[in-house]
Amino acid sequence: MHDWIRLHDLRYQTCHGVLPHERVIPQEFRVDVEIAVNTYQAAQNDDLQYTVNYADVVTTITQVMQGEPMNLIETLAQRLADAILIFPRVVKVGVRVKKMAPPLSHTLRYVEVEIWRDA
């Protein structure tokens, strides 16, 4: 059984995608992250050192999202998961990456990739 820290709807304007114009013109991406961690000791001691500092996680997510352009949102999701799993006390992570305006001939709200990885 796990406790969860959830970060919802982080928003980024950045350049990721397969098409040439996607590498030049920023587009909106949204990220949700769920982090499994045992929060019991942190709660008992009211001490941040016994949990995951979600401000640090947001900084890490931002570095990945604003870093090297990637072709696939699958790659973005995997890199985000890998970066979050490095944090001490993380047991499992779920990552959702949403591309809000994919270059399609049909109208839709977004395209999303969701992955789950264990430490």
PDB file of N, CA and C in Angstrom:
ATOM      1  N   MET A   1       0.839  -1.182   0.000  1.00  0.00           N
ATOM      2  CA  MET A   1       0.000   0.000   0.000  1.00  0.00           C
ATOM      3  C   MET A   1       0.882   1.243   0.000  1.00  0.00           C
ATOM      4  N   HIS A   2       0.516   2.216  -0.814  1.00  0.00           N
ATOM      5  CA  HIS A   2       1.322   3.429  -0.941  1.00  0.00           C
ATOM      6  C   HIS A   2       0.498   4.663  -0.602  1.00  0.00           C
ATOM      7  N   ASP A   3       1.199   5.697  -0.191  1.00  0.00           N
ATOM      8  CA  ASP A   3       0.633   7.034  -0.126  1.00  0.00           C
ATOM      9  C   ASP A   3       1.002   7.708  -1.446  1.00  0.00           C
ATOM     10  N   TRP A   4       0.277   8.750  -1.802  1.00  0.00           N
ATOM     11  CA  TRP A   4       0.501   9.374  -3.107  1.00  0.00           C
ATOM     12  C   TRP A   4       0.659  10.883  -2.974  1.00  0.00           C
ATOM     13  N   ILE A   5       1.619  11.395  -3.683  1.00  0.00           N
ATOM     14  CA  ILE A   5       1.755  12.837  -3.913  1.00  0.00           C
ATOM     15  C   ILE A   5       1.394  13.038  -5.373  1.00  0.00           C
ATOM     16  N   ARG A   6       0.420  13.891  -5.641  1.00  0.00           N
ATOM     17  CA  ARG A   6      -0.048  14.099  -7.007  1.00  0.00           C
ATOM     18  C   ARG A   6       0.147  15.554  -7.413  1.00  0.00           C
ATOM     19  N   LEU A   7       0.719  15.718  -8.581  1.00  0.00           N
ATOM     20  CA  LEU A   7       0.909  17.044  -9.176  1.00  0.00           C
ATOM     21  C   LEU A   7       0.055  17.073 -10.451  1.00  0.00           C
ATOM     22  N   HIS A   8      -0.914  17.959 -10.487  1.00  0.00           N
ATOM     23  CA  HIS A   8      -1.854  17.982 -11.600  1.00  0.00           C
ATOM     24  C   HIS A   8      -1.708  19.239 -12.452  1.00  0.00           C
ATOM     25  N   ASP A   9      -1.736  19.024 -13.740  1.00  0.00           N
ATOM     26  CA  ASP A   9      -1.892  20.090 -14.733  1.00  0.00           C
ATOM     27  C   ASP A   9      -0.749  21.106 -14.760  1.00  0.00           C
ATOM     28  N   LEU A  10       0.487  20.599 -14.675  1.00  0.00           N
ATOM     29  CA  LEU A  10       1.637  21.477 -14.902  1.00  0.00           C
ATOM     30  C   LEU A  10       1.619  21.862 -16.375  1.00  0.00           C
ATOM     31  N   ARG A  11       1.818  23.126 -16.690  1.00  0.00           N
ATOM     32  CA  ARG A  11       1.675  23.606 -18.064  1.00  0.00           C
ATOM     33  C   ARG A  11       2.985  24.169 -18.600  1.00  0.00           C
ATOM     34  N   TYR A  12       3.264  23.786 -19.852  1.00  0.00           N
ATOM     35  CA  TYR A  12       4.510  24.204 -20.496  1.00  0.00           C
ATOM     36  C   TYR A  12       4.240  24.592 -21.941  1.00  0.00           C
ATOM     37  N   GLN A  13       4.935  25.616 -22.399  1.00  0.00           N
ATOM     38  CA  GLN A  13       4.992  25.988 -23.809  1.00  0.00           C
ATOM     39  C   GLN A  13       6.392  25.607 -24.268  1.00  0.00           C
ATOM     40  N   THR A  14       6.490  24.580 -25.086  1.00  0.00           N
ATOM     41  CA  THR A  14       7.795  24.067 -25.461  1.00  0.00           C
ATOM     42  C   THR A  14       7.726  23.367 -26.812  1.00  0.00           C
ATOM     43  N   CYS A  15       8.870  23.006 -27.345  1.00  0.00           N
ATOM     44  CA  CYS A  15       8.980  22.473 -28.712  1.00  0.00           C
ATOM     45  C   CYS A  15       9.349  20.991 -28.704  1.00  0.00           C
ATOM     46  N   HIS A  16       8.348  20.138 -28.834  1.00  0.00           N
ATOM     47  CA  HIS A  16       8.566  18.704 -28.972  1.00  0.00           C
ATOM     48  C   HIS A  16       7.651  18.203 -30.078  1.00  0.00           C
ATOM     49  N   GLY A  17       8.132  17.282 -30.868  1.00  0.00           N
ATOM     50  CA  GLY A  17       7.295  16.694 -31.912  1.00  0.00           C
ATOM     51  C   GLY A  17       8.121  16.194 -33.072  1.00  0.00           C
ATOM     52  N   VAL A  18       7.488  15.449 -33.934  1.00  0.00           N
ATOM     53  CA  VAL A  18       8.149  14.841 -35.084  1.00  0.00           C
ATOM     54  C   VAL A  18       8.285  15.824 -36.245  1.00  0.00           C
ATOM     55  N   LEU A  19       7.290  16.664 -36.433  1.00  0.00           N
ATOM     56  CA  LEU A  19       7.284  17.575 -37.587  1.00  0.00           C
ATOM     57  C   LEU A  19       8.230  18.752 -37.376  1.00  0.00           C
ATOM     58  N   PRO A  20       8.861  19.227 -38.459  1.00  0.00           N
ATOM     59  CA  PRO A  20       9.835  20.325 -38.337  1.00  0.00           C
ATOM     60  C   PRO A  20       9.293  21.561 -37.619  1.00  0.00           C
ATOM     61  N   HIS A  21       8.061  21.964 -37.931  1.00  0.00           N
ATOM     62  CA  HIS A  21       7.530  23.178 -37.288  1.00  0.00           C
ATOM     63  C   HIS A  21       7.298  22.985 -35.789  1.00  0.00           C
ATOM     64  N   GLU A  22       7.104  21.731 -35.345  1.00  0.00           N
ATOM     65  CA  GLU A  22       6.920  21.474 -33.919  1.00  0.00           C
ATOM     66  C   GLU A  22       8.218  21.677 -33.137  1.00  0.00           C
ATOM     67  N   ARG A  23       9.330  21.628 -33.822  1.00  0.00           N
ATOM     68  CA  ARG A  23      10.639  21.821 -33.181  1.00  0.00           C
ATOM     69  C   ARG A  23      11.016  23.299 -33.092  1.00  0.00           C
ATOM     70  N   VAL A  24      10.199  24.164 -33.748  1.00  0.00           N
ATOM     71  CA  VAL A  24      10.501  25.595 -33.805  1.00  0.00           C
ATOM     72  C   VAL A  24       9.439  26.433 -33.095  1.00  0.00           C
ATOM     73  N   ILE A  25       8.189  26.059 -33.265  1.00  0.00           N
ATOM     74  CA  ILE A  25       7.080  26.833 -32.707  1.00  0.00           C
ATOM     75  C   ILE A  25       6.603  26.155 -31.419  1.00  0.00           C
ATOM     76  N   PRO A  26       6.728  26.836 -30.282  1.00  0.00           N
ATOM     77  CA  PRO A  26       6.293  26.222 -29.020  1.00  0.00           C
ATOM     78  C   PRO A  26       4.795  25.902 -29.039  1.00  0.00           C
ATOM     79  N   GLN A  27       4.456  24.819 -28.390  1.00  0.00           N
ATOM     80  CA  GLN A  27       3.057  24.434 -28.253  1.00  0.00           C
ATOM     81  C   GLN A  27       2.814  24.013 -26.809  1.00  0.00           C
ATOM     82  N   GLU A  28       1.545  23.933 -26.445  1.00  0.00           N
ATOM     83  CA  GLU A  28       1.205  23.641 -25.055  1.00  0.00           C
ATOM     84  C   GLU A  28       1.247  22.140 -24.770  1.00  0.00           C
ATOM     85  N   PHE A  29       1.915  21.820 -23.658  1.00  0.00           N
ATOM     86  CA  PHE A  29       1.931  20.479 -23.096  1.00  0.00           C
ATOM     87  C   PHE A  29       1.484  20.586 -21.645  1.00  0.00           C
ATOM     88  N   ARG A  30       0.814  19.563 -21.175  1.00  0.00           N
ATOM     89  CA  ARG A  30       0.432  19.494 -19.766  1.00  0.00           C
ATOM     90  C   ARG A  30       0.932  18.173 -19.192  1.00  0.00           C
ATOM     91  N   VAL A  31       1.320  18.222 -17.928  1.00  0.00           N
ATOM     92  CA  VAL A  31       1.901  17.050 -17.278  1.00  0.00           C
ATOM     93  C   VAL A  31       1.205  16.819 -15.945  1.00  0.00           C
ATOM     94  N   ASP A  32       0.847  15.557 -15.702  1.00  0.00           N
ATOM     95  CA  ASP A  32       0.347  15.107 -14.400  1.00  0.00           C
ATOM     96  C   ASP A  32       1.309  14.034 -13.900  1.00  0.00           C
ATOM     97  N   VAL A  33       1.589  14.069 -12.609  1.00  0.00           N
ATOM     98  CA  VAL A  33       2.503  13.091 -12.021  1.00  0.00           C
ATOM     99  C   VAL A  33       1.892  12.574 -10.727  1.00  0.00           C
ATOM    100  N   GLU A  34       1.992  11.263 -10.524  1.00  0.00           N
ATOM    101  CA  GLU A  34       1.591  10.628  -9.276  1.00  0.00           C
ATOM    102  C   GLU A  34       2.802   9.888  -8.726  1.00  0.00           C
ATOM    103  N   ILE A  35       3.163  10.204  -7.502  1.00  0.00           N
ATOM    104  CA  ILE A  35       4.364   9.652  -6.884  1.00  0.00           C
ATOM    105  C   ILE A  35       3.963   8.837  -5.665  1.00  0.00           C
ATOM    106  N   ALA A  36       4.320   7.548  -5.679  1.00  0.00           N
ATOM    107  CA  ALA A  36       4.069   6.693  -4.526  1.00  0.00           C
ATOM    108  C   ALA A  36       5.237   6.824  -3.555  1.00  0.00           C
ATOM    109  N   VAL A  37       4.900   7.112  -2.311  1.00  0.00           N
ATOM    110  CA  VAL A  37       5.901   7.294  -1.272  1.00  0.00           C
ATOM    111  C   VAL A  37       5.243   6.999   0.074  1.00  0.00           C
ATOM    112  N   ASN A  38       5.985   6.480   0.996  1.00  0.00           N
ATOM    113  CA  ASN A  38       5.453   6.266   2.336  1.00  0.00           C
ATOM    114  C   ASN A  38       5.600   7.579   3.105  1.00  0.00           C
ATOM    115  N   THR A  39       4.481   8.216   3.427  1.00  0.00           N
ATOM    116  CA  THR A  39       4.515   9.518   4.099  1.00  0.00           C
ATOM    117  C   THR A  39       4.378   9.418   5.619  1.00  0.00           C
ATOM    118  N   TYR A  40       4.306   8.201   6.142  1.00  0.00           N
ATOM    119  CA  TYR A  40       4.059   8.029   7.575  1.00  0.00           C
ATOM    120  C   TYR A  40       5.101   8.743   8.441  1.00  0.00           C
ATOM    121  N   GLN A  41       6.374   8.497   8.169  1.00  0.00           N
ATOM    122  CA  GLN A  41       7.436   9.094   8.992  1.00  0.00           C
ATOM    123  C   GLN A  41       7.436  10.616   8.860  1.00  0.00           C
ATOM    124  N   ALA A  42       7.202  11.120   7.669  1.00  0.00           N
ATOM    125  CA  ALA A  42       7.133  12.577   7.470  1.00  0.00           C
ATOM    126  C   ALA A  42       5.988  13.174   8.287  1.00  0.00           C
ATOM    127  N   ALA A  43       4.840  12.513   8.248  1.00  0.00           N
ATOM    128  CA  ALA A  43       3.684  13.011   9.000  1.00  0.00           C
ATOM    129  C   ALA A  43       3.914  12.940  10.501  1.00  0.00           C
ATOM    130  N   GLN A  44       4.519  11.851  10.966  1.00  0.00           N
ATOM    131  CA  GLN A  44       4.781  11.691  12.399  1.00  0.00           C
ATOM    132  C   GLN A  44       5.742  12.749  12.925  1.00  0.00           C
ATOM    133  N   ASN A  45       6.721  13.110  12.096  1.00  0.00           N
ATOM    134  CA  ASN A  45       7.755  14.065  12.518  1.00  0.00           C
ATOM    135  C   ASN A  45       7.536  15.476  11.987  1.00  0.00           C
ATOM    136  N   ASP A  46       6.537  15.640  11.130  1.00  0.00           N
ATOM    137  CA  ASP A  46       6.283  16.928  10.481  1.00  0.00           C
ATOM    138  C   ASP A  46       7.570  17.469   9.868  1.00  0.00           C
ATOM    139  N   ASP A  47       8.238  16.589   9.095  1.00  0.00           N
ATOM    140  CA  ASP A  47       9.575  16.895   8.604  1.00  0.00           C
ATOM    141  C   ASP A  47       9.707  16.511   7.128  1.00  0.00           C
ATOM    142  N   LEU A  48      10.056  17.485   6.315  1.00  0.00           N
ATOM    143  CA  LEU A  48      10.181  17.314   4.874  1.00  0.00           C
ATOM    144  C   LEU A  48      11.231  16.279   4.471  1.00  0.00           C
ATOM    145  N   GLN A  49      12.244  16.072   5.309  1.00  0.00           N
ATOM    146  CA  GLN A  49      13.314  15.132   4.944  1.00  0.00           C
ATOM    147  C   GLN A  49      12.818  13.695   4.800  1.00  0.00           C
ATOM    148  N   TYR A  50      11.633  13.385   5.316  1.00  0.00           N
ATOM    149  CA  TYR A  50      11.108  12.020   5.267  1.00  0.00           C
ATOM    150  C   TYR A  50      10.086  11.797   4.149  1.00  0.00           C
ATOM    151  N   THR A  51      10.010  12.743   3.236  1.00  0.00           N
ATOM    152  CA  THR A  51       9.083  12.601   2.118  1.00  0.00           C
ATOM    153  C   THR A  51       9.761  13.104   0.847  1.00  0.00           C
ATOM    154  N   VAL A  52       8.983  13.329  -0.179  1.00  0.00           N
ATOM    155  CA  VAL A  52       9.504  13.861  -1.438  1.00  0.00           C
ATOM    156  C   VAL A  52       9.092  15.324  -1.529  1.00  0.00           C
ATOM    157  N   ASN A  53      10.073  16.184  -1.724  1.00  0.00           N
ATOM    158  CA  ASN A  53       9.805  17.613  -1.848  1.00  0.00           C
ATOM    159  C   ASN A  53       9.225  17.875  -3.240  1.00  0.00           C
ATOM    160  N   TYR A  54       7.925  18.137  -3.310  1.00  0.00           N
ATOM    161  CA  TYR A  54       7.298  18.279  -4.625  1.00  0.00           C
ATOM    162  C   TYR A  54       7.758  19.535  -5.354  1.00  0.00           C
ATOM    163  N   ALA A  55       8.276  20.527  -4.655  1.00  0.00           N
ATOM    164  CA  ALA A  55       8.854  21.691  -5.340  1.00  0.00           C
ATOM    165  C   ALA A  55      10.087  21.270  -6.143  1.00  0.00           C
ATOM    166  N   ASP A  56      10.887  20.381  -5.579  1.00  0.00           N
ATOM    167  CA  ASP A  56      12.048  19.856  -6.310  1.00  0.00           C
ATOM    168  C   ASP A  56      11.618  19.006  -7.497  1.00  0.00           C
ATOM    169  N   VAL A  57      10.533  18.255  -7.336  1.00  0.00           N
ATOM    170  CA  VAL A  57      10.018  17.446  -8.445  1.00  0.00           C
ATOM    171  C   VAL A  57       9.563  18.357  -9.584  1.00  0.00           C
ATOM    172  N   VAL A  58       8.875  19.440  -9.263  1.00  0.00           N
ATOM    173  CA  VAL A  58       8.428  20.380 -10.298  1.00  0.00           C
ATOM    174  C   VAL A  58       9.629  20.973 -11.025  1.00  0.00           C
ATOM    175  N   THR A  59      10.668  21.323 -10.312  1.00  0.00           N
ATOM    176  CA  THR A  59      11.883  21.841 -10.944  1.00  0.00           C
ATOM    177  C   THR A  59      12.465  20.817 -11.914  1.00  0.00           C
ATOM    178  N   THR A  60      12.501  19.569 -11.508  1.00  0.00           N
ATOM    179  CA  THR A  60      13.015  18.502 -12.362  1.00  0.00           C
ATOM    180  C   THR A  60      12.149  18.323 -13.604  1.00  0.00           C
ATOM    181  N   ILE A  61      10.838  18.314 -13.429  1.00  0.00           N
ATOM    182  CA  ILE A  61       9.915  18.193 -14.566  1.00  0.00           C
ATOM    183  C   ILE A  61      10.134  19.344 -15.538  1.00  0.00           C
ATOM    184  N   THR A  62      10.267  20.539 -15.023  1.00  0.00           N
ATOM    185  CA  THR A  62      10.472  21.721 -15.860  1.00  0.00           C
ATOM    186  C   THR A  62      11.768  21.608 -16.660  1.00  0.00           C
ATOM    187  N   GLN A  63      12.820  21.128 -16.033  1.00  0.00           N
ATOM    188  CA  GLN A  63      14.095  20.965 -16.743  1.00  0.00           C
ATOM    189  C   GLN A  63      13.952  19.993 -17.903  1.00  0.00           C
ATOM    190  N   VAL A  64      13.247  18.890 -17.706  1.00  0.00           N
ATOM    191  CA  VAL A  64      13.047  17.922 -18.781  1.00  0.00           C
ATOM    192  C   VAL A  64      12.167  18.527 -19.878  1.00  0.00           C
ATOM    193  N   MET A  65      11.066  19.137 -19.483  1.00  0.00           N
ATOM    194  CA  MET A  65      10.125  19.682 -20.474  1.00  0.00           C
ATOM    195  C   MET A  65      10.745  20.805 -21.299  1.00  0.00           C
ATOM    196  N   GLN A  66      11.599  21.610 -20.687  1.00  0.00           N
ATOM    197  CA  GLN A  66      12.205  22.732 -21.405  1.00  0.00           C
ATOM    198  C   GLN A  66      13.576  22.390 -21.967  1.00  0.00           C
ATOM    199  N   GLY A  67      13.977  21.152 -21.824  1.00  0.00           N
ATOM    200  CA  GLY A  67      15.287  20.726 -22.299  1.00  0.00           C
ATOM    201  C   GLY A  67      15.266  20.288 -23.749  1.00  0.00           C
ATOM    202  N   GLU A  68      16.104  19.328 -24.053  1.00  0.00           N
ATOM    203  CA  GLU A  68      16.284  18.816 -25.403  1.00  0.00           C
ATOM    204  C   GLU A  68      14.951  18.433 -26.042  1.00  0.00           C
ATOM    205  N   PRO A  69      14.675  18.930 -27.253  1.00  0.00           N
ATOM    206  CA  PRO A  69      13.436  18.540 -27.943  1.00  0.00           C
ATOM    207  C   PRO A  69      13.415  17.042 -28.231  1.00  0.00           C
ATOM    208  N   MET A  70      12.234  16.464 -28.090  1.00  0.00           N
ATOM    209  CA  MET A  70      12.049  15.039 -28.355  1.00  0.00           C
ATOM    210  C   MET A  70      10.945  14.851 -29.383  1.00  0.00           C
ATOM    211  N   ASN A  71      11.049  13.803 -30.151  1.00  0.00           N
ATOM    212  CA  ASN A  71      10.041  13.520 -31.171  1.00  0.00           C
ATOM    213  C   ASN A  71       8.714  13.085 -30.558  1.00  0.00           C
ATOM    214  N   LEU A  72       8.772  12.205 -29.573  1.00  0.00           N
ATOM    215  CA  LEU A  72       7.578  11.530 -29.071  1.00  0.00           C
ATOM    216  C   LEU A  72       7.222  11.932 -27.649  1.00  0.00           C
ATOM    217  N   ILE A  73       5.916  12.022 -27.382  1.00  0.00           N
ATOM    218  CA  ILE A  73       5.518  12.275 -26.000  1.00  0.00           C
ATOM    219  C   ILE A  73       5.755  11.024 -25.152  1.00  0.00           C
ATOM    220  N   GLU A  74       5.857   9.864 -25.780  1.00  0.00           N
ATOM    221  CA  GLU A  74       6.257   8.655 -25.060  1.00  0.00           C
ATOM    222  C   GLU A  74       7.662   8.817 -24.472  1.00  0.00           C
ATOM    223  N   THR A  75       8.543   9.437 -25.246  1.00  0.00           N
ATOM    224  CA  THR A  75       9.908   9.685 -24.768  1.00  0.00           C
ATOM    225  C   THR A  75       9.899  10.697 -23.626  1.00  0.00           C
ATOM    226  N   LEU A  76       9.101  11.751 -23.773  1.00  0.00           N
ATOM    227  CA  LEU A  76       8.978  12.732 -22.687  1.00  0.00           C
ATOM    228  C   LEU A  76       8.512  12.056 -21.401  1.00  0.00           C
ATOM    229  N   ALA A  77       7.481  11.233 -21.502  1.00  0.00           N
ATOM    230  CA  ALA A  77       6.948  10.560 -20.317  1.00  0.00           C
ATOM    231  C   ALA A  77       8.009   9.676 -19.665  1.00  0.00           C
ATOM    232  N   GLN A  78       8.756   8.924 -20.471  1.00  0.00           N
ATOM    233  CA  GLN A  78       9.788   8.041 -19.920  1.00  0.00           C
ATOM    234  C   GLN A  78      10.904   8.843 -19.252  1.00  0.00           C
ATOM    235  N   ARG A  79      11.331   9.927 -19.882  1.00  0.00           N
ATOM    236  CA  ARG A  79      12.400  10.749 -19.281  1.00  0.00           C
ATOM    237  C   ARG A  79      11.938  11.391 -17.981  1.00  0.00           C
ATOM    238  N   LEU A  80      10.685  11.813 -17.952  1.00  0.00           N
ATOM    239  CA  LEU A  80      10.148  12.373 -16.713  1.00  0.00           C
ATOM    240  C   LEU A  80      10.119  11.310 -15.614  1.00  0.00           C
ATOM    241  N   ALA A  81       9.643  10.122 -15.947  1.00  0.00           N
ATOM    242  CA  ALA A  81       9.601   9.035 -14.955  1.00  0.00           C
ATOM    243  C   ALA A  81      10.999   8.712 -14.452  1.00  0.00           C
ATOM    244  N   ASP A  82      11.946   8.595 -15.366  1.00  0.00           N
ATOM    245  CA  ASP A  82      13.330   8.290 -14.969  1.00  0.00           C
ATOM    246  C   ASP A  82      13.874   9.350 -14.015  1.00  0.00           C
ATOM    247  N   ALA A  83      13.603  10.616 -14.314  1.00  0.00           N
ATOM    248  CA  ALA A  83      14.118  11.715 -13.482  1.00  0.00           C
ATOM    249  C   ALA A  83      13.475  11.727 -12.096  1.00  0.00           C
ATOM    250  N   ILE A  84      12.199  11.372 -12.012  1.00  0.00           N
ATOM    251  CA  ILE A  84      11.504  11.381 -10.728  1.00  0.00           C
ATOM    252  C   ILE A  84      11.899  10.167  -9.882  1.00  0.00           C
ATOM    253  N   LEU A  85      12.140   9.050 -10.521  1.00  0.00           N
ATOM    254  CA  LEU A  85      12.519   7.837  -9.786  1.00  0.00           C
ATOM    255  C   LEU A  85      13.875   7.953  -9.104  1.00  0.00           C
ATOM    256  N   ILE A  86      14.661   8.950  -9.475  1.00  0.00           N
ATOM    257  CA  ILE A  86      15.963   9.174  -8.837  1.00  0.00           C
ATOM    258  C   ILE A  86      15.789   9.724  -7.410  1.00  0.00           C
ATOM    259  N   PHE A  87      14.660  10.380  -7.156  1.00  0.00           N
ATOM    260  CA  PHE A  87      14.447  10.962  -5.828  1.00  0.00           C
ATOM    261  C   PHE A  87      14.368   9.864  -4.769  1.00  0.00           C
ATOM    262  N   PRO A  88      15.055  10.081  -3.634  1.00  0.00           N
ATOM    263  CA  PRO A  88      14.953   9.106  -2.545  1.00  0.00           C
ATOM    264  C   PRO A  88      13.498   8.994  -2.081  1.00  0.00           C
ATOM    265  N   ARG A  89      13.118   7.818  -1.653  1.00  0.00           N
ATOM    266  CA  ARG A  89      11.809   7.505  -1.086  1.00  0.00           C
ATOM    267  C   ARG A  89      10.711   7.278  -2.126  1.00  0.00           C
ATOM    268  N   VAL A  90      10.973   7.569  -3.413  1.00  0.00           N
ATOM    269  CA  VAL A  90       9.970   7.300  -4.449  1.00  0.00           C
ATOM    270  C   VAL A  90       9.929   5.798  -4.706  1.00  0.00           C
ATOM    271  N   VAL A  91       8.734   5.231  -4.636  1.00  0.00           N
ATOM    272  CA  VAL A  91       8.542   3.802  -4.821  1.00  0.00           C
ATOM    273  C   VAL A  91       8.027   3.504  -6.235  1.00  0.00           C
ATOM    274  N   LYS A  92       7.181   4.388  -6.735  1.00  0.00           N
ATOM    275  CA  LYS A  92       6.541   4.207  -8.033  1.00  0.00           C
ATOM    276  C   LYS A  92       6.138   5.580  -8.541  1.00  0.00           C
ATOM    277  N   VAL A  93       6.060   5.723  -9.878  1.00  0.00           N
ATOM    278  CA  VAL A  93       5.637   6.996 -10.441  1.00  0.00           C
ATOM    279  C   VAL A  93       4.725   6.748 -11.637  1.00  0.00           C
ATOM    280  N   GLY A  94       3.704   7.565 -11.734  1.00  0.00           N
ATOM    281  CA  GLY A  94       2.841   7.594 -12.903  1.00  0.00           C
ATOM    282  C   GLY A  94       2.990   8.951 -13.556  1.00  0.00           C
ATOM    283  N   VAL A  95       3.126   8.962 -14.871  1.00  0.00           N
ATOM    284  CA  VAL A  95       3.317  10.214 -15.607  1.00  0.00           C
ATOM    285  C   VAL A  95       2.324  10.257 -16.761  1.00  0.00           C
ATOM    286  N   ARG A  96       1.639  11.379 -16.897  1.00  0.00           N
ATOM    287  CA  ARG A  96       0.787  11.629 -18.059  1.00  0.00           C
ATOM    288  C   ARG A  96       1.285  12.887 -18.758  1.00  0.00           C
ATOM    289  N   VAL A  97       1.548  12.774 -20.035  1.00  0.00           N
ATOM    290  CA  VAL A  97       1.947  13.928 -20.843  1.00  0.00           C
ATOM    291  C   VAL A  97       0.848  14.151 -21.873  1.00  0.00           C
ATOM    292  N   LYS A  98       0.334  15.374 -21.899  1.00  0.00           N
ATOM    293  CA  LYS A  98      -0.729  15.732 -22.833  1.00  0.00           C
ATOM    294  C   LYS A  98      -0.198  16.763 -23.823  1.00  0.00           C
ATOM    295  N   LYS A  99      -0.402  16.495 -25.086  1.00  0.00           N
ATOM    296  CA  LYS A  99      -0.085  17.441 -26.153  1.00  0.00           C
ATOM    297  C   LYS A  99      -1.414  18.076 -26.534  1.00  0.00           C
ATOM    298  N   MET A 100      -1.548  19.370 -26.243  1.00  0.00           N
ATOM    299  CA  MET A 100      -2.846  20.019 -26.317  1.00  0.00           C
ATOM    300  C   MET A 100      -3.304  20.358 -27.739  1.00  0.00           C
ATOM    301  N   ALA A 101      -2.394  20.477 -28.670  1.00  0.00           N
ATOM    302  CA  ALA A 101      -2.780  20.814 -30.051  1.00  0.00           C
ATOM    303  C   ALA A 101      -1.972  19.974 -31.035  1.00  0.00           C
ATOM    304  N   PRO A 102      -2.184  18.657 -31.029  1.00  0.00           N
ATOM    305  CA  PRO A 102      -1.419  17.812 -31.948  1.00  0.00           C
ATOM    306  C   PRO A 102      -1.765  18.149 -33.398  1.00  0.00           C
ATOM    307  N   PRO A 103      -0.793  18.023 -34.293  1.00  0.00           N
ATOM    308  CA  PRO A 103      -1.027  18.380 -35.693  1.00  0.00           C
ATOM    309  C   PRO A 103      -1.830  17.288 -36.418  1.00  0.00           C
ATOM    310  N   LEU A 104      -3.130  17.304 -36.197  1.00  0.00           N
ATOM    311  CA  LEU A 104      -4.029  16.328 -36.810  1.00  0.00           C
ATOM    312  C   LEU A 104      -5.087  17.047 -37.641  1.00  0.00           C
ATOM    313  N   SER A 105      -5.674  16.337 -38.585  1.00  0.00           N
ATOM    314  CA  SER A 105      -6.720  16.931 -39.410  1.00  0.00           C
ATOM    315  C   SER A 105      -8.074  16.892 -38.707  1.00  0.00           C
ATOM    316  N   HIS A 106      -8.153  16.271 -37.547  1.00  0.00           N
ATOM    317  CA  HIS A 106      -9.387  16.205 -36.771  1.00  0.00           C
ATOM    318  C   HIS A 106      -9.255  17.065 -35.516  1.00  0.00           C
ATOM    319  N   THR A 107     -10.375  17.518 -35.012  1.00  0.00           N
ATOM    320  CA  THR A 107     -10.384  18.306 -33.791  1.00  0.00           C
ATOM    321  C   THR A 107     -10.524  17.377 -32.588  1.00  0.00           C
ATOM    322  N   LEU A 108      -9.660  17.580 -31.608  1.00  0.00           N
ATOM    323  CA  LEU A 108      -9.746  16.855 -30.350  1.00  0.00           C
ATOM    324  C   LEU A 108      -9.145  17.717 -29.258  1.00  0.00           C
ATOM    325  N   ARG A 109      -9.452  17.390 -28.010  1.00  0.00           N
ATOM    326  CA  ARG A 109      -8.946  18.195 -26.889  1.00  0.00           C
ATOM    327  C   ARG A 109      -7.446  18.060 -26.734  1.00  0.00           C
ATOM    328  N   TYR A 110      -6.944  16.823 -26.771  1.00  0.00           N
ATOM    329  CA  TYR A 110      -5.503  16.581 -26.618  1.00  0.00           C
ATOM    330  C   TYR A 110      -5.200  15.124 -26.904  1.00  0.00           C
ATOM    331  N   VAL A 111      -3.916  14.837 -27.036  1.00  0.00           N
ATOM    332  CA  VAL A 111      -3.414  13.472 -27.095  1.00  0.00           C
ATOM    333  C   VAL A 111      -2.607  13.256 -25.825  1.00  0.00           C
ATOM    334  N   GLU A 112      -2.759  12.068 -25.224  1.00  0.00           N
ATOM    335  CA  GLU A 112      -2.115  11.814 -23.945  1.00  0.00           C
ATOM    336  C   GLU A 112      -1.401  10.454 -23.968  1.00  0.00           C
ATOM    337  N   VAL A 113      -0.243  10.431 -23.327  1.00  0.00           N
ATOM    338  CA  VAL A 113       0.458   9.170 -23.050  1.00  0.00           C
ATOM    339  C   VAL A 113       0.584   9.066 -21.540  1.00  0.00           C
ATOM    340  N   GLU A 114       0.266   7.881 -21.018  1.00  0.00           N
ATOM    341  CA  GLU A 114       0.369   7.624 -19.579  1.00  0.00           C
ATOM    342  C   GLU A 114       1.259   6.398 -19.380  1.00  0.00           C
ATOM    343  N   ILE A 115       2.228   6.539 -18.486  1.00  0.00           N
ATOM    344  CA  ILE A 115       3.098   5.405 -18.149  1.00  0.00           C
ATOM    345  C   ILE A 115       3.207   5.281 -16.638  1.00  0.00           C
ATOM    346  N   TRP A 116       3.502   4.069 -16.179  1.00  0.00           N
ATOM    347  CA  TRP A 116       3.743   3.784 -14.762  1.00  0.00           C
ATOM    348  C   TRP A 116       5.049   3.019 -14.663  1.00  0.00           C
ATOM    349  N   ARG A 117       5.907   3.449 -13.745  1.00  0.00           N
ATOM    350  CA  ARG A 117       7.201   2.796 -13.557  1.00  0.00           C
ATOM    351  C   ARG A 117       7.462   2.617 -12.062  1.00  0.00           C
ATOM    352  N   ASP A 118       8.108   1.502 -11.718  1.00  0.00           N
ATOM    353  CA  ASP A 118       8.513   1.207 -10.341  1.00  0.00           C
ATOM    354  C   ASP A 118       9.974   1.565 -10.143  1.00  0.00           C
ATOM    355  N   ALA A 119      10.315   1.929  -8.900  1.00  0.00           N
ATOM    356  CA  ALA A 119      11.700   2.232  -8.569  1.00  0.00           C
ATOM    357  C   ALA A 119      12.528   0.965  -8.598  1.00  0.00           C
TER     358      ALA A 119
END
